[in-house]
Amino acid sequence: MKKRWFLPVSALLAGILLSACAAKPGGYVRKLPTDAEVAQYNASVEPEERIVCRRETPVGTNVPRRMCRYIRDIEETSRFHREQLKRALR
């Protein structure tokens, strides 16, 4: 008899979760750090672990967006693109 509440509660929770996911594309909203949060983080880590935020225009749109990336990721991506360009020009 105690399990009678399980079905209505689970149906209610499922409805809440479905409506929350329907309200947001993909069901997930990424929150970028503020400039103050980035500065505080960068002050406490090594130089290659620092974060850089800048406005970038993604391919296929003219609307710039604020993008935050680790310096090591930026360097790794640059290195990869240089290697691909060298390979294409051979």
C-alpha atoms as a PDB file:
ATOM      1  CA  MET A   1       0.000   0.000   0.000  1.00  0.00           C
ATOM      2  CA  LYS A   2       2.866   2.379   0.611  1.00  0.00           C
ATOM      3  CA  LYS A   3       3.933   2.274  -3.048  1.00  0.00           C
ATOM      4  CA  ARG A   4       0.740   3.955  -4.315  1.00  0.00           C
ATOM      5  CA  TRP A   5       2.363   7.397  -4.087  1.00  0.00           C
ATOM      6  CA  PHE A   6       5.289   6.321  -6.309  1.00  0.00           C
ATOM      7  CA  LEU A   7       3.403   6.464  -9.626  1.00  0.00           C
ATOM      8  CA  PRO A   8       1.874   9.953  -9.218  1.00  0.00           C
ATOM      9  CA  VAL A   9       5.140  11.409  -7.886  1.00  0.00           C
ATOM     10  CA  SER A  10       7.213   9.859 -10.669  1.00  0.00           C
ATOM     11  CA  ALA A  11       4.718  11.085 -13.285  1.00  0.00           C
ATOM     12  CA  LEU A  12       4.908  14.587 -11.832  1.00  0.00           C
ATOM     13  CA  LEU A  13       8.722  14.566 -11.829  1.00  0.00           C
ATOM     14  CA  ALA A  14       8.810  13.258 -15.406  1.00  0.00           C
ATOM     15  CA  GLY A  15       6.490  16.075 -16.482  1.00  0.00           C
ATOM     16  CA  ILE A  16       8.689  18.669 -14.823  1.00  0.00           C
ATOM     17  CA  LEU A  17      11.849  17.262 -16.415  1.00  0.00           C
ATOM     18  CA  LEU A  18      10.273  17.042 -19.857  1.00  0.00           C
ATOM     19  CA  SER A  19       8.989  20.602 -19.691  1.00  0.00           C
ATOM     20  CA  ALA A  20      12.405  21.832 -18.527  1.00  0.00           C
ATOM     21  CA  CYS A  21      14.135  20.074 -21.404  1.00  0.00           C
ATOM     22  CA  ALA A  22      11.585  21.315 -23.908  1.00  0.00           C
ATOM     23  CA  ALA A  23      12.143  24.899 -22.799  1.00  0.00           C
ATOM     24  CA  LYS A  24      15.883  24.761 -23.568  1.00  0.00           C
ATOM     25  CA  PRO A  25      17.363  23.566 -26.867  1.00  0.00           C
ATOM     26  CA  GLY A  26      19.278  20.401 -26.106  1.00  0.00           C
ATOM     27  CA  GLY A  27      18.206  20.515 -22.468  1.00  0.00           C
ATOM     28  CA  TYR A  28      21.488  22.133 -21.378  1.00  0.00           C
ATOM     29  CA  VAL A  29      22.524  25.755 -21.072  1.00  0.00           C
ATOM     30  CA  ARG A  30      26.220  26.493 -20.810  1.00  0.00           C
ATOM     31  CA  LYS A  31      27.057  29.348 -18.441  1.00  0.00           C
ATOM     32  CA  LEU A  32      30.254  31.137 -19.352  1.00  0.00           C
ATOM     33  CA  PRO A  33      32.374  32.585 -16.565  1.00  0.00           C
ATOM     34  CA  THR A  34      32.372  36.338 -15.993  1.00  0.00           C
ATOM     35  CA  ASP A  35      35.518  38.409 -16.494  1.00  0.00           C
ATOM     36  CA  ALA A  36      35.972  38.588 -12.710  1.00  0.00           C
ATOM     37  CA  GLU A  37      35.702  34.788 -12.383  1.00  0.00           C
ATOM     38  CA  VAL A  38      38.237  34.317 -15.184  1.00  0.00           C
ATOM     39  CA  ALA A  39      40.667  36.770 -13.565  1.00  0.00           C
ATOM     40  CA  GLN A  40      40.323  35.065 -10.189  1.00  0.00           C
ATOM     41  CA  TYR A  41      40.871  31.613 -11.736  1.00  0.00           C
ATOM     42  CA  ASN A  42      43.852  32.762 -13.820  1.00  0.00           C
ATOM     43  CA  ALA A  43      45.537  34.219 -10.733  1.00  0.00           C
ATOM     44  CA  SER A  44      45.567  30.816  -9.058  1.00  0.00           C
ATOM     45  CA  VAL A  45      46.803  28.500 -11.859  1.00  0.00           C
ATOM     46  CA  GLU A  46      49.883  27.967 -14.017  1.00  0.00           C
ATOM     47  CA  PRO A  47      50.200  29.989 -17.248  1.00  0.00           C
ATOM     48  CA  GLU A  48      49.307  27.094 -19.591  1.00  0.00           C
ATOM     49  CA  GLU A  49      46.173  26.351 -17.552  1.00  0.00           C
ATOM     50  CA  ARG A  50      44.788  29.892 -17.841  1.00  0.00           C
ATOM     51  CA  ILE A  51      41.528  30.754 -19.584  1.00  0.00           C
ATOM     52  CA  VAL A  52      41.135  33.344 -22.337  1.00  0.00           C
ATOM     53  CA  CYS A  53      37.717  34.751 -23.218  1.00  0.00           C
ATOM     54  CA  ARG A  54      37.106  36.689 -26.429  1.00  0.00           C
ATOM     55  CA  ARG A  55      34.391  37.471 -28.909  1.00  0.00           C
ATOM     56  CA  GLU A  56      34.524  35.163 -31.931  1.00  0.00           C
ATOM     57  CA  THR A  57      32.274  34.891 -34.956  1.00  0.00           C
ATOM     58  CA  PRO A  58      31.456  31.196 -35.580  1.00  0.00           C
ATOM     59  CA  VAL A  59      31.505  29.874 -39.141  1.00  0.00           C
ATOM     60  CA  GLY A  60      28.097  30.174 -40.780  1.00  0.00           C
ATOM     61  CA  THR A  61      26.916  33.215 -38.859  1.00  0.00           C
ATOM     62  CA  ASN A  62      27.696  36.902 -38.562  1.00  0.00           C
ATOM     63  CA  VAL A  63      26.764  37.056 -34.897  1.00  0.00           C
ATOM     64  CA  PRO A  64      29.815  37.180 -32.619  1.00  0.00           C
ATOM     65  CA  ARG A  65      29.700  35.142 -29.408  1.00  0.00           C
ATOM     66  CA  ARG A  66      31.823  35.189 -26.295  1.00  0.00           C
ATOM     67  CA  MET A  67      34.019  32.104 -26.270  1.00  0.00           C
ATOM     68  CA  CYS A  68      36.234  30.986 -23.376  1.00  0.00           C
ATOM     69  CA  ARG A  69      39.015  28.463 -23.900  1.00  0.00           C
ATOM     70  CA  TYR A  70      42.107  27.227 -22.116  1.00  0.00           C
ATOM     71  CA  ILE A  71      45.404  28.552 -23.478  1.00  0.00           C
ATOM     72  CA  ARG A  72      46.663  24.976 -23.874  1.00  0.00           C
ATOM     73  CA  ASP A  73      43.624  24.154 -26.050  1.00  0.00           C
ATOM     74  CA  ILE A  74      44.206  27.221 -28.222  1.00  0.00           C
ATOM     75  CA  GLU A  75      47.871  26.255 -28.701  1.00  0.00           C
ATOM     76  CA  GLU A  76      46.966  22.629 -29.438  1.00  0.00           C
ATOM     77  CA  THR A  77      44.385  23.666 -32.029  1.00  0.00           C
ATOM     78  CA  SER A  78      46.857  26.067 -33.658  1.00  0.00           C
ATOM     79  CA  ARG A  79      49.511  23.346 -33.798  1.00  0.00           C
ATOM     80  CA  PHE A  80      47.032  20.902 -35.373  1.00  0.00           C
ATOM     81  CA  HIS A  81      45.963  23.426 -38.026  1.00  0.00           C
ATOM     82  CA  ARG A  82      49.585  24.278 -38.884  1.00  0.00           C
ATOM     83  CA  GLU A  83      50.348  20.564 -39.355  1.00  0.00           C
ATOM     84  CA  GLN A  84      47.285  20.096 -41.551  1.00  0.00           C
ATOM     85  CA  LEU A  85      48.233  23.103 -43.671  1.00  0.00           C
ATOM     86  CA  LYS A  86      51.802  21.820 -44.104  1.00  0.00           C
ATOM     87  CA  ARG A  87      50.457  18.412 -45.109  1.00  0.00           C
ATOM     88  CA  ALA A  88      48.062  19.969 -47.644  1.00  0.00           C
ATOM     89  CA  LEU A  89      50.790  22.136 -49.211  1.00  0.00           C
ATOM     90  CA  ARG A  90      53.243  19.243 -49.805  1.00  0.00           C
END
